[in-house]
Amino acid sequence: MKAVIQRVKKAGVTVNEEVIGEIGQGYLILLGVMDGDTQQEAQTLASKTALLRVFEDEDGKMNRSILDINGEALVVSQFTLCADVRKGNRPSFTPSAKPEEANALYEYYMEKLKEQGVRKVAHGQFGADMQVSLVNDGPVTILFDTQIWSKK
């Protein structure tokens, strides 16, 4: 799994001109599910996401997690994160998980974020053409790839 985690002041996702998910301060998380990813990887990623310390403390140091600030998360599925761009100029998406598997792990990841204590977990619409808006905070952007923990 791959996740691009952006610290935001606010974020929202729209489908067919209707806002379907929005948050205040917290994370916009773009989530890509790779072929072969597992629930264990989703659980590890959710834990790492919830405990990631990129919010400033009273000394201005990035030392607080989304849990510490009572922040919110907006999770948007994004299979294009799984693109293989090693050959040519057109990305290949064959490394992405099949839609039904990807959606199941996307849902599982969000469930695990809630279990970790993230008070609000909003989401996009899996497989839809979405418009995502955000007010980046910092900007602070972190890339997680579960391969670093599973050593694939």
Protein backbone atom coordinates (compact mmCIF):
# COMPACT_ATOMS: atom_id res chain seq x y z
CA MET A 1 0.00 0.00 0.00
CA LYS A 2 1.07 3.52 -0.66
CA ALA A 3 -0.22 6.60 1.09
CA VAL A 4 0.47 10.25 0.49
CA ILE A 5 -0.35 12.01 3.74
CA GLN A 6 -0.78 15.77 3.62
CA ARG A 7 -1.19 17.89 6.71
CA VAL A 8 -4.14 20.17 6.01
CA LYS A 9 -6.13 23.01 7.55
CA LYS A 10 -9.16 21.60 5.70
CA ALA A 11 -9.95 19.30 2.79
CA GLY A 12 -12.94 18.07 0.83
CA VAL A 13 -13.93 15.72 -1.95
CA THR A 14 -16.70 16.29 -4.49
CA VAL A 15 -18.38 13.84 -6.87
CA ASN A 16 -20.84 15.09 -9.50
CA GLU A 17 -20.77 18.57 -7.92
CA GLU A 18 -21.82 17.17 -4.52
CA VAL A 19 -19.52 17.33 -1.50
CA ILE A 20 -19.32 13.78 -0.18
CA GLY A 21 -16.56 14.18 2.40
CA GLU A 22 -14.89 17.07 4.17
CA ILE A 23 -12.71 17.67 7.19
CA GLY A 24 -11.11 20.42 9.20
CA GLN A 25 -7.55 20.22 10.54
CA GLY A 26 -5.88 16.86 10.03
CA TYR A 27 -4.78 14.71 7.11
CA LEU A 28 -5.77 14.32 3.50
CA ILE A 29 -4.68 10.75 2.74
CA LEU A 30 -4.38 9.54 -0.85
CA LEU A 31 -4.35 5.73 -0.65
CA GLY A 32 -3.16 3.31 -3.32
CA VAL A 33 -3.60 -0.44 -2.88
CA MET A 34 -1.11 -2.69 -4.63
CA ASP A 35 -1.72 -6.21 -5.88
CA GLY A 36 -0.83 -8.55 -3.02
CA ASP A 37 -1.40 -6.07 -0.20
CA THR A 38 -2.90 -7.53 2.98
CA GLN A 39 -5.02 -6.54 5.96
CA GLN A 40 -1.87 -6.68 8.11
CA GLU A 41 -0.26 -4.03 5.91
CA ALA A 42 -3.41 -1.89 6.10
CA GLN A 43 -3.44 -2.22 9.88
CA THR A 44 0.25 -1.29 10.15
CA LEU A 45 -0.28 1.68 7.83
CA ALA A 46 -3.28 2.88 9.86
CA SER A 47 -1.27 2.67 13.08
CA LYS A 48 1.70 4.51 11.56
CA THR A 49 -0.67 7.15 10.16
CA ALA A 50 -2.43 7.73 13.48
CA LEU A 51 0.84 7.97 15.40
CA LEU A 52 2.74 10.08 12.84
CA ARG A 53 3.97 13.19 14.66
CA VAL A 54 3.88 16.11 12.21
CA PHE A 55 1.75 18.62 14.10
CA GLU A 56 3.55 21.32 16.06
CA ASP A 57 3.80 21.35 19.83
CA GLU A 58 4.03 24.46 22.02
CA ASP A 59 7.69 24.84 21.03
CA GLY A 60 6.92 24.80 17.31
CA LYS A 61 8.40 21.31 16.80
CA MET A 62 6.61 18.61 14.85
CA ASN A 63 5.90 16.46 17.86
CA ARG A 64 2.13 15.83 17.93
CA SER A 65 0.04 13.24 16.15
CA ILE A 66 -3.42 13.56 14.66
CA LEU A 67 -4.66 11.91 17.86
CA ASP A 68 -2.94 14.52 20.03
CA ILE A 69 -4.64 17.40 18.22
CA ASN A 70 -8.02 15.63 17.91
CA GLY A 71 -7.68 15.97 14.13
CA GLU A 72 -9.68 14.52 11.27
CA ALA A 73 -8.78 12.44 8.22
CA LEU A 74 -10.10 12.42 4.67
CA VAL A 75 -9.13 9.21 2.86
CA VAL A 76 -9.31 9.17 -0.93
CA SER A 77 -8.64 6.02 -2.95
CA GLN A 78 -6.10 6.65 -5.69
CA PHE A 79 -4.99 3.70 -7.79
CA THR A 80 -2.67 5.94 -9.80
CA LEU A 81 -0.24 5.90 -6.85
CA CYS A 82 0.49 2.32 -7.90
CA ALA A 83 1.60 3.31 -11.40
CA ASP A 84 4.63 1.65 -12.94
CA VAL A 85 6.52 4.29 -14.89
CA ARG A 86 9.74 2.40 -15.56
CA LYS A 87 9.16 2.05 -19.31
CA GLY A 88 7.88 4.57 -21.82
CA ASN A 89 5.83 7.64 -21.07
CA ARG A 90 2.46 6.07 -20.36
CA PRO A 91 2.05 4.65 -16.84
CA SER A 92 1.01 1.05 -16.38
CA PHE A 93 -1.49 0.36 -13.62
CA THR A 94 -1.04 -3.42 -13.52
CA PRO A 95 0.64 -3.22 -10.08
CA SER A 96 -2.70 -1.97 -8.64
CA ALA A 97 -4.92 -4.40 -6.81
CA LYS A 98 -8.13 -5.53 -8.51
CA PRO A 99 -10.96 -3.10 -7.69
CA GLU A 100 -12.86 -5.42 -5.32
CA GLU A 101 -9.67 -6.24 -3.37
CA ALA A 102 -8.55 -2.62 -3.34
CA ASN A 103 -11.92 -1.38 -2.10
CA ALA A 104 -11.98 -3.97 0.69
CA LEU A 105 -8.53 -2.87 1.92
CA TYR A 106 -9.44 0.81 1.52
CA GLU A 107 -12.48 0.26 3.77
CA TYR A 108 -10.40 -1.82 6.20
CA TYR A 109 -7.74 0.91 6.44
CA MET A 110 -10.40 3.51 7.30
CA GLU A 111 -11.91 1.18 9.90
CA LYS A 112 -8.48 0.73 11.49
CA LEU A 113 -7.90 4.51 11.55
CA LYS A 114 -11.14 4.86 13.53
CA GLU A 115 -10.07 2.06 15.88
CA GLN A 116 -6.77 3.90 16.44
CA GLY A 117 -8.81 6.82 17.74
CA VAL A 118 -9.05 9.23 14.80
CA ARG A 119 -12.30 10.98 15.71
CA LYS A 120 -13.55 11.63 12.18
CA VAL A 121 -12.64 9.65 9.09
CA ALA A 122 -14.31 11.03 5.97
CA HIS A 123 -13.83 9.47 2.55
CA GLY A 124 -14.23 9.79 -1.16
CA GLN A 125 -16.14 7.41 -3.42
CA PHE A 126 -14.13 4.41 -4.53
CA GLY A 127 -13.69 4.32 -8.29
CA ALA A 128 -15.41 7.66 -8.92
CA ASP A 129 -14.11 10.71 -10.75
CA MET A 130 -13.46 12.94 -7.75
CA GLN A 131 -12.41 16.53 -7.30
CA VAL A 132 -10.28 16.97 -4.20
CA SER A 133 -9.63 20.33 -2.59
CA LEU A 134 -7.33 21.14 0.29
CA VAL A 135 -5.63 23.88 2.17
CA ASN A 136 -2.18 22.45 2.74
CA ASP A 137 -0.64 23.21 6.13
CA GLY A 138 3.10 23.81 5.93
CA PRO A 139 3.13 22.21 3.45
CA VAL A 140 3.88 18.90 5.12
CA THR A 141 3.62 15.83 2.88
CA ILE A 142 4.75 12.34 3.87
CA LEU A 143 4.90 9.29 1.61
CA PHE A 144 4.31 5.89 3.21
CA ASP A 145 4.95 2.65 1.33
CA THR A 146 4.26 -0.55 3.29
CA GLN A 147 7.07 -2.27 1.41
CA ILE A 148 9.49 -0.62 3.83
CA TRP A 149 7.92 -2.59 6.70
CA SER A 150 7.17 -5.87 4.92
CA LYS A 151 10.44 -5.96 2.95
CA LYS A 152 8.81 -7.22 -0.24
